[in-house]
Amino acid sequence: MVSKTKRKKRLKLWEIFVLVALISIAMTSIAYWLVNRQAAYDSKVFDMDVYIENRAGFNVDTDAIHFGVVPPNATSERKIILHVADFRTNVVIGVSGDLAGWVVVSDNNFIMEPNESRTITVSLFVPGDAKVPDFKRGRLQVLFIRA
């Protein structure tokens, strides 16, 4: 039997996750509004996936953002490096697909100066009620807009 303290802690973690997800959705909505106002000069799309099982495992392939094997109530992170070359650029990141509510990026809707590189952390949280076993997919789109 799970103690009241553990249940409260799990509930608190779930509330934090929901809050982060809502903030992410709001920022993505704002980002899409900004994109509709300005034309992107470049766009990169990354496929994402996760296997949900009652164990953890790694996938280090570089053809997509693979979160590996992740159990419910656990997280996985991947990093991507963005680089802009010639001019000041507004970077807007959006998430879609099955993973849209599970993925949060460390930085979004920011300005990069010419020849700047930045590392972005892409974090996935599998909720406790996720079906096991399962496989989920999504896409991460990075828009580069001349600032």
Protein backbone atom coordinates (compact mmCIF):
# COMPACT_ATOMS: atom_id res chain seq x y z
CA MET A 1 0.00 0.00 0.00
CA VAL A 2 1.31 3.47 -0.90
CA SER A 3 1.61 5.92 1.98
CA LYS A 4 -0.17 9.29 1.97
CA THR A 5 3.19 11.08 1.76
CA LYS A 6 4.18 9.19 -1.38
CA ARG A 7 0.76 9.81 -2.96
CA LYS A 8 1.05 13.54 -2.21
CA LYS A 9 4.57 13.61 -3.66
CA ARG A 10 3.41 11.85 -6.85
CA LEU A 11 0.45 14.21 -7.12
CA LYS A 12 2.77 17.21 -6.68
CA LEU A 13 5.10 15.90 -9.45
CA TRP A 14 2.12 15.36 -11.72
CA GLU A 15 0.89 18.91 -11.03
CA ILE A 16 4.34 20.29 -11.91
CA PHE A 17 4.37 18.28 -15.14
CA VAL A 18 0.90 19.56 -16.10
CA LEU A 19 1.96 23.15 -15.37
CA VAL A 20 5.09 22.78 -17.53
CA ALA A 21 3.00 21.22 -20.31
CA LEU A 22 0.49 24.10 -20.18
CA ILE A 23 3.28 26.67 -20.31
CA SER A 24 4.80 24.80 -23.26
CA ILE A 25 1.46 24.79 -25.09
CA ALA A 26 1.03 28.51 -24.46
CA MET A 27 4.55 29.28 -25.69
CA THR A 28 4.03 27.12 -28.77
CA SER A 29 0.78 28.97 -29.53
CA ILE A 30 2.58 32.29 -29.24
CA ALA A 31 5.39 30.95 -31.41
CA TYR A 32 2.98 29.89 -34.15
CA TRP A 33 1.32 33.30 -33.99
CA LEU A 34 4.73 34.92 -34.45
CA VAL A 35 5.54 32.61 -37.34
CA ASN A 36 2.34 33.63 -39.11
CA ARG A 37 3.45 37.26 -38.84
CA GLN A 38 6.94 36.64 -40.26
CA ALA A 39 8.20 34.21 -42.88
CA ALA A 40 10.75 31.61 -41.80
CA TYR A 41 13.88 31.46 -43.96
CA ASP A 42 14.70 27.91 -42.87
CA SER A 43 13.07 25.04 -41.03
CA LYS A 44 14.41 21.78 -39.61
CA VAL A 45 12.15 18.89 -38.63
CA PHE A 46 13.33 16.13 -36.31
CA ASP A 47 11.38 12.91 -35.86
CA MET A 48 11.08 11.80 -32.21
CA ASP A 49 10.12 8.48 -30.65
CA VAL A 50 9.94 6.58 -27.36
CA TYR A 51 9.28 2.99 -26.34
CA ILE A 52 7.27 2.75 -23.12
CA GLU A 53 8.10 -0.32 -21.06
CA ASN A 54 8.67 -1.17 -17.40
CA ARG A 55 12.43 -0.82 -17.82
CA ALA A 56 14.91 1.74 -19.12
CA GLY A 57 17.05 1.51 -22.22
CA PHE A 58 19.10 3.67 -24.60
CA ASN A 59 18.99 4.38 -28.31
CA VAL A 60 21.96 6.47 -29.45
CA ASP A 61 21.15 6.46 -33.16
CA THR A 62 21.45 9.94 -34.68
CA ASP A 63 18.81 9.71 -37.42
CA ALA A 64 16.12 11.15 -35.09
CA ILE A 65 15.57 12.22 -31.49
CA HIS A 66 15.25 8.78 -29.89
CA PHE A 67 14.33 8.88 -26.20
CA GLY A 68 14.96 5.14 -25.91
CA VAL A 69 13.00 2.87 -23.58
CA VAL A 70 11.34 4.83 -20.78
CA PRO A 71 9.07 3.52 -17.99
CA PRO A 72 5.98 5.41 -16.79
CA ASN A 73 6.72 8.28 -14.37
CA ALA A 74 10.22 8.69 -15.81
CA THR A 75 12.06 11.18 -17.98
CA SER A 76 14.55 11.10 -20.83
CA GLU A 77 16.57 13.97 -22.30
CA ARG A 78 18.34 14.60 -25.57
CA LYS A 79 20.36 17.59 -26.67
CA ILE A 80 20.46 19.30 -30.05
CA ILE A 81 22.92 21.96 -31.17
CA LEU A 82 21.59 24.86 -33.23
CA HIS A 83 23.86 27.13 -35.27
CA VAL A 84 23.09 30.24 -37.31
CA ALA A 85 25.61 31.65 -39.76
CA ASP A 86 24.90 34.91 -41.53
CA PHE A 87 22.42 37.06 -39.66
CA ARG A 88 20.48 37.68 -36.48
CA THR A 89 17.78 35.00 -36.21
CA ASN A 90 14.68 34.38 -34.13
CA VAL A 91 14.38 30.66 -33.34
CA VAL A 92 10.95 29.15 -32.66
CA ILE A 93 10.50 25.49 -31.70
CA GLY A 94 7.25 23.52 -31.89
CA VAL A 95 6.33 19.94 -30.96
CA SER A 96 3.60 17.85 -32.63
CA GLY A 97 2.32 14.29 -32.73
CA ASP A 98 1.80 11.75 -29.94
CA LEU A 99 4.59 13.33 -27.86
CA ALA A 100 3.32 16.93 -28.00
CA GLY A 101 2.08 16.91 -24.39
CA TRP A 102 5.08 14.96 -23.10
CA VAL A 103 7.99 16.98 -24.54
CA VAL A 104 9.39 20.28 -23.26
CA VAL A 105 12.32 22.20 -24.74
CA SER A 106 14.75 24.09 -22.52
CA ASP A 107 14.65 27.26 -24.59
CA ASN A 108 12.14 28.56 -27.13
CA ASN A 109 11.45 31.74 -29.08
CA PHE A 110 14.87 33.29 -28.67
CA ILE A 111 17.30 35.38 -30.71
CA MET A 112 20.63 34.03 -31.97
CA GLU A 113 23.37 36.33 -33.25
CA PRO A 114 25.40 35.59 -36.43
CA ASN A 115 27.78 32.61 -36.01
CA GLU A 116 26.23 31.67 -32.67
CA SER A 117 25.65 28.09 -31.54
CA ARG A 118 23.29 27.04 -28.77
CA THR A 119 22.57 23.68 -27.14
CA ILE A 120 18.88 22.96 -26.51
CA THR A 121 17.70 20.21 -24.16
CA VAL A 122 14.64 18.27 -25.31
CA SER A 123 13.02 16.59 -22.27
CA LEU A 124 10.35 13.90 -22.32
CA PHE A 125 8.22 12.88 -19.33
CA VAL A 126 6.16 9.69 -19.61
CA PRO A 127 3.07 10.02 -17.39
CA GLY A 128 2.32 7.34 -14.82
CA ASP A 129 -0.84 6.21 -16.59
CA ALA A 130 0.92 5.55 -19.92
CA LYS A 131 0.09 2.23 -21.55
CA VAL A 132 2.83 -0.45 -21.27
CA PRO A 133 4.18 -1.59 -23.68
CA ASP A 134 3.68 1.17 -26.24
CA PHE A 135 5.51 3.17 -28.88
CA LYS A 136 4.90 6.89 -29.42
CA ARG A 137 6.10 9.29 -32.13
CA GLY A 138 6.25 13.01 -32.62
CA ARG A 139 8.09 15.77 -34.43
CA LEU A 140 10.15 18.70 -33.29
CA GLN A 141 10.18 21.61 -35.75
CA VAL A 142 12.74 24.40 -35.50
CA LEU A 143 11.92 27.58 -37.44
CA PHE A 144 14.60 30.15 -38.23
CA ILE A 145 13.15 33.63 -38.80
CA ARG A 146 15.27 36.62 -39.78
CA ALA A 147 15.15 39.02 -36.82
